[in-house]
Amino acid sequence: MSKAEEILDLFLHDAGIKAVREYRFAAEACGGPGKGLRDRLAKAGLSDWRADFALIEHGLLIEVEGGGWSGGRHTRGAGFAADLKKYDAAARLGWRVYRCDPAMIKSGRAIETIRILMQQGEAA
């Protein structure tokens, strides 16, 4: 877990927001982990992706994007394209995806937005 993810985890906990860490959203869509998962994922055209956080009751996945300033994998061609495929799959499976960076987390902006997204999901 990155430092930013640790901070967001604390903010979520302090706010009383139940979040699942490293949620395997594609695996859950294919019957959950266990025997035959790789085959089930392959047949569905999915990978065993994980979201940094999931608010399952709200249909919301949260991704902490930390590599924007470090030149990490997520900002280079193949890594960026893989992330887009992951977010596309999440959307097709009915998830909303919220992406934030460490500065948004530290400033409190991310937790504010998460609360707004939770309210919007309840109103829908």
Protein backbone atom coordinates (compact mmCIF):
# COMPACT_ATOMS: atom_id res chain seq x y z
CA MET A 1 0.00 0.00 0.00
CA SER A 2 1.39 3.40 -0.94
CA LYS A 3 1.59 6.23 1.57
CA ALA A 4 -1.29 8.02 -0.21
CA GLU A 5 -3.41 4.85 -0.03
CA GLU A 6 -2.64 4.56 3.69
CA ILE A 7 -3.80 8.15 4.24
CA LEU A 8 -6.98 7.63 2.22
CA ASP A 9 -7.65 4.42 4.14
CA LEU A 10 -7.43 6.42 7.40
CA PHE A 11 -9.70 9.17 6.04
CA LEU A 12 -12.29 6.61 4.94
CA HIS A 13 -12.16 4.88 8.30
CA ASP A 14 -12.44 8.17 10.21
CA ALA A 15 -15.45 9.11 8.07
CA GLY A 16 -17.13 5.78 8.83
CA ILE A 17 -17.02 4.78 5.18
CA LYS A 18 -16.72 1.03 4.66
CA ALA A 19 -14.22 0.33 1.91
CA VAL A 20 -12.74 -2.92 0.67
CA ARG A 21 -9.03 -2.74 -0.15
CA GLU A 22 -7.60 -4.37 -3.27
CA TYR A 23 -11.05 -5.40 -4.48
CA ARG A 24 -10.96 -7.95 -7.29
CA PHE A 25 -13.94 -6.57 -9.20
CA ALA A 26 -13.52 -8.69 -12.33
CA ALA A 27 -13.07 -11.89 -10.33
CA GLU A 28 -16.27 -11.14 -8.41
CA ALA A 29 -18.11 -10.61 -11.69
CA CYS A 30 -16.97 -14.07 -12.82
CA GLY A 31 -18.16 -16.01 -9.81
CA GLY A 32 -15.47 -15.06 -7.32
CA PRO A 33 -12.01 -16.42 -6.70
CA GLY A 34 -11.38 -20.12 -6.68
CA LYS A 35 -10.94 -23.02 -9.02
CA GLY A 36 -11.30 -22.12 -12.67
CA LEU A 37 -11.04 -18.35 -12.19
CA ARG A 38 -8.42 -17.86 -14.90
CA ASP A 39 -10.57 -19.71 -17.42
CA ARG A 40 -13.71 -17.79 -16.41
CA LEU A 41 -11.88 -14.46 -16.72
CA ALA A 42 -10.40 -15.40 -20.09
CA LYS A 43 -13.80 -16.44 -21.45
CA ALA A 44 -15.23 -13.10 -20.33
CA GLY A 45 -12.32 -11.15 -21.84
CA LEU A 46 -11.27 -9.88 -18.41
CA SER A 47 -8.18 -9.89 -16.23
CA ASP A 48 -7.88 -10.29 -12.48
CA TRP A 49 -7.82 -6.54 -11.89
CA ARG A 50 -7.89 -4.99 -8.45
CA ALA A 51 -9.20 -1.60 -7.45
CA ASP A 52 -7.35 0.22 -4.69
CA PHE A 53 -10.65 0.65 -2.84
CA ALA A 54 -14.24 -0.40 -3.45
CA LEU A 55 -17.39 1.00 -1.90
CA ILE A 56 -19.43 -2.00 -2.93
CA GLU A 57 -22.81 -0.71 -1.71
CA HIS A 58 -22.31 2.42 -3.79
CA GLY A 59 -20.94 0.77 -6.94
CA LEU A 60 -17.82 2.91 -6.63
CA LEU A 61 -14.20 1.96 -7.25
CA ILE A 62 -11.45 4.33 -6.10
CA GLU A 63 -8.05 4.39 -7.75
CA VAL A 64 -5.10 6.31 -6.29
CA GLU A 65 -2.93 7.48 -9.18
CA GLY A 66 0.52 8.03 -7.75
CA GLY A 67 2.86 7.75 -10.72
CA GLY A 68 2.04 10.99 -12.50
CA TRP A 69 5.08 12.80 -11.17
CA SER A 70 7.46 9.88 -10.82
CA GLY A 71 7.26 8.63 -14.40
CA GLY A 72 5.81 5.37 -13.14
CA ARG A 73 4.31 2.56 -15.17
CA HIS A 74 0.85 4.11 -15.19
CA THR A 75 2.03 7.15 -17.16
CA ARG A 76 3.89 5.34 -19.92
CA GLY A 77 2.30 3.89 -23.06
CA ALA A 78 1.62 0.24 -22.22
CA GLY A 79 0.84 0.91 -18.56
CA PHE A 80 -1.50 3.78 -19.39
CA ALA A 81 -3.29 1.65 -22.00
CA ALA A 82 -3.64 -1.22 -19.51
CA ASP A 83 -5.20 1.14 -16.97
CA LEU A 84 -7.70 2.35 -19.58
CA LYS A 85 -8.66 -1.25 -20.33
CA LYS A 86 -9.17 -1.85 -16.59
CA TYR A 87 -11.37 1.26 -16.21
CA ASP A 88 -13.33 0.34 -19.33
CA ALA A 89 -13.99 -3.14 -17.95
CA ALA A 90 -15.09 -1.66 -14.61
CA ALA A 91 -17.55 0.66 -16.37
CA ARG A 92 -18.92 -2.20 -18.47
CA LEU A 93 -19.46 -4.18 -15.28
CA GLY A 94 -21.50 -1.31 -13.85
CA TRP A 95 -18.91 0.37 -11.63
CA ARG A 96 -18.23 4.07 -11.34
CA VAL A 97 -14.50 4.80 -11.08
CA TYR A 98 -13.09 7.73 -9.13
CA ARG A 99 -9.42 8.52 -9.70
CA CYS A 100 -7.44 10.75 -7.37
CA ASP A 101 -3.82 11.59 -6.64
CA PRO A 102 -1.86 12.00 -3.40
CA ALA A 103 -2.31 15.79 -3.34
CA MET A 104 -6.09 15.41 -3.58
CA ILE A 105 -6.03 12.92 -0.74
CA LYS A 106 -3.81 15.00 1.55
CA SER A 107 -5.85 18.17 0.98
CA GLY A 108 -9.12 16.43 1.86
CA ARG A 109 -10.50 16.96 -1.64
CA ALA A 110 -10.69 13.23 -2.39
CA ILE A 111 -12.74 12.33 0.69
CA GLU A 112 -15.10 15.23 -0.06
CA THR A 113 -15.59 14.00 -3.61
CA ILE A 114 -16.10 10.43 -2.41
CA ARG A 115 -18.88 11.63 -0.12
CA ILE A 116 -20.50 13.49 -3.03
CA LEU A 117 -20.28 10.40 -5.24
CA MET A 118 -21.84 8.29 -2.50
CA GLN A 119 -24.76 10.74 -2.26
CA GLN A 120 -25.17 10.82 -6.03
CA GLY A 121 -25.26 7.03 -6.11
CA GLU A 122 -27.99 6.98 -3.46
CA ALA A 123 -30.06 9.50 -5.43
CA ALA A 124 -29.86 7.50 -8.65
